[in-house]
Amino acid sequence: MFDLKRRSFQIGVRLDPGDAELLKRICKSRGEDVSDFVRRAVRIEMANLGFLDAVDRKALGVKSTRVKHQRPAKYPPSPQGGNVLGVTG
């Protein structure tokens, strides 16, 4: 059953008109909602980056051999020193 509380974070995205039309055609041919397509695409990318466990990767059809990443710190250190916001000390 759909649980609205589990999906409370909403984002918007701007696409090139050609990409938007292709997305709509793909979703229509699959009989799925654009939101479901985008949610799955996000999960697949998370899996490709190593943030999902083996069971989730398998369910998404992702055959990743990458090492599982740890969640980054809020502001991880940058190679130039400081952090990604440029704050030092």
Protein backbone atom coordinates (compact mmCIF):
# COMPACT_ATOMS: atom_id res chain seq x y z
CA MET A 1 0.00 0.00 0.00
CA PHE A 2 1.19 3.52 -0.77
CA ASP A 3 2.48 5.32 2.30
CA LEU A 4 2.53 9.08 1.74
CA LYS A 5 4.55 9.63 4.94
CA ARG A 6 7.44 7.62 3.50
CA ARG A 7 7.55 9.86 0.43
CA SER A 8 7.34 13.31 1.96
CA PHE A 9 10.47 14.82 0.37
CA GLN A 10 9.58 16.48 -2.92
CA ILE A 11 11.98 17.84 -5.52
CA GLY A 12 11.61 19.52 -8.88
CA VAL A 13 13.83 19.06 -11.88
CA ARG A 14 14.17 20.91 -15.15
CA LEU A 15 14.80 18.84 -18.27
CA ASP A 16 15.60 19.63 -21.84
CA PRO A 17 12.31 19.48 -23.79
CA GLY A 18 13.55 16.53 -25.84
CA ASP A 19 14.52 14.59 -22.72
CA ALA A 20 11.18 15.40 -21.11
CA GLU A 21 9.27 14.11 -24.14
CA LEU A 22 11.37 10.95 -24.27
CA LEU A 23 10.80 10.39 -20.55
CA LYS A 24 7.05 10.69 -21.03
CA ARG A 25 7.09 8.27 -23.99
CA ILE A 26 9.15 5.71 -22.07
CA CYS A 27 6.86 5.92 -19.04
CA LYS A 28 3.74 5.63 -21.18
CA SER A 29 5.10 2.57 -23.01
CA ARG A 30 6.01 0.95 -19.67
CA GLY A 31 2.71 1.90 -18.09
CA GLU A 32 4.43 3.64 -15.21
CA ASP A 33 4.35 7.03 -13.57
CA VAL A 34 7.18 9.52 -14.23
CA SER A 35 7.74 9.75 -10.46
CA ASP A 36 8.25 5.98 -10.22
CA PHE A 37 10.75 6.12 -13.08
CA VAL A 38 12.71 8.93 -11.43
CA ARG A 39 12.66 7.23 -8.00
CA ARG A 40 14.04 4.06 -9.55
CA ALA A 41 16.70 6.01 -11.49
CA VAL A 42 17.84 7.69 -8.27
CA ARG A 43 18.01 4.33 -6.45
CA ILE A 44 19.98 2.79 -9.33
CA GLU A 45 22.51 5.60 -9.18
CA MET A 46 22.79 5.18 -5.39
CA ALA A 47 23.41 1.48 -5.97
CA ASN A 48 26.02 2.19 -8.66
CA LEU A 49 27.82 4.47 -6.22
CA GLY A 50 27.85 1.71 -3.62
CA PHE A 51 25.42 3.21 -1.12
CA LEU A 52 22.91 0.34 -1.22
CA ASP A 53 23.33 -3.18 0.10
CA ALA A 54 23.60 -6.29 -2.09
CA VAL A 55 19.91 -7.18 -1.78
CA ASP A 56 18.80 -3.74 -2.96
CA ARG A 57 21.37 -3.75 -5.79
CA LYS A 58 20.14 -7.13 -6.95
CA ALA A 59 16.50 -6.00 -6.84
CA LEU A 60 17.43 -3.04 -9.05
CA GLY A 61 19.41 -5.20 -11.46
CA VAL A 62 22.69 -3.51 -10.56
CA LYS A 63 25.73 -5.79 -10.67
CA SER A 64 28.14 -3.65 -8.73
CA THR A 65 31.45 -4.88 -7.43
CA ARG A 66 32.40 -1.50 -6.01
CA VAL A 67 33.27 -1.16 -2.38
CA LYS A 68 30.41 0.13 -0.27
CA HIS A 69 30.94 3.78 0.58
CA GLN A 70 30.48 5.27 3.96
CA ARG A 71 28.12 8.21 4.14
CA PRO A 72 30.14 11.39 3.75
CA ALA A 73 30.57 13.87 6.56
CA LYS A 74 28.34 16.91 6.36
CA TYR A 75 31.22 18.96 4.97
CA PRO A 76 33.97 16.53 3.94
CA PRO A 77 37.56 17.74 3.60
CA SER A 78 38.55 18.99 0.16
CA PRO A 79 41.85 18.09 -1.53
CA GLN A 80 42.91 21.76 -1.29
CA GLY A 81 42.45 21.87 2.48
CA GLY A 82 39.50 23.10 4.46
CA ASN A 83 36.23 21.52 3.39
CA VAL A 84 33.94 21.58 0.37
CA LEU A 85 32.66 24.99 1.46
CA GLY A 86 36.22 26.36 1.58
CA VAL A 87 36.13 26.80 5.34
CA THR A 88 39.43 26.15 7.10
CA GLY A 89 40.15 25.76 10.80
